[in-house]
C-alpha cells in the first residue's frame, strides 16, 4: 500500500507549482497594433501616428466600443518619409469613414552622422526631416489620403518638454505651423492636442520626455474618441 502511495504523492507535488503559476499568471495586455475583429455595420476608422498614438489607441478603442471599428496602422508611423513609403499598404483596399492622422515628432528629432537615434545637435546631430521637406511630404500624404474619400482629421504634434533627448522645445510649434499651411490648403480640420498637452504637461506627460503617463494616454484617448465621434456625425 505504501509503495503505491509514494508515486501518486510525488506526482501531485510536481503538479502543484505548475498549478500555482497558472493561478498567479497575469492576463496578457492587449497589443494596440494587433488587427481587430470588426463588428458588421459599424464605421471603419483608422489611426495613423507614432508612439503617442500607440499610447492612446487602446483607451480610444475602449471608449468607442460598440460604436466604431477602430483600427490603427500596425507599426509606429515614424516620420513622413516612412509614411510616404508605406501609406498605400496602411490604407489597404477597404473603405474608411474617418482617418485621424499625425506625423511630426520623428521628423523633428535629431539624428547622428551614422544614423544614431536622438543625437544632440550640440554634437553635430541633424534634424531627420527639415521643415521644408516635412511640408512637402505632408502635402503628398494628404493628397493620397484624400483619395480614400474618408473624413480626414489632422492631429497636430504634441509638445517637446524641456530636457527631452534629441528633441528641442519649440520645434513642435514650428512643424505644426508648416502642417497648418497644408491642412488649410486642403480644408482639413486640426485636432489640437498640442495646446491641451502644453497646459497640462506636468500632469499628463513624463518629465523630460515626449511621451505620456498611462493616465495621460487615457486623457488623450478621451479627446481622440470625442473628435472621431464628431467627425462621424
Foldseek 3Di string as FASTA:
>chain_A
DVVVVVVVVVVVVVCVVVVVCVVPDDDDDDQLLDADDDDPPAAEEEEAAAVLVSLQSVLLCVVCPPHHRYHYHNHGNAALVSCVVCVDVRVDDDAHAEYEYDHDPNQQFWADPVGHGLADVVVPTDGNHDLVRSLVSVLVNVVVVVVSVHQYEYEQQAAQAPQAGRHDGPRSVSSSVSVVVSCVVVVHHYQYPHVVCVVCVVPFDDHNHSHTDSVNSSVVSVSVNVVVVVSND
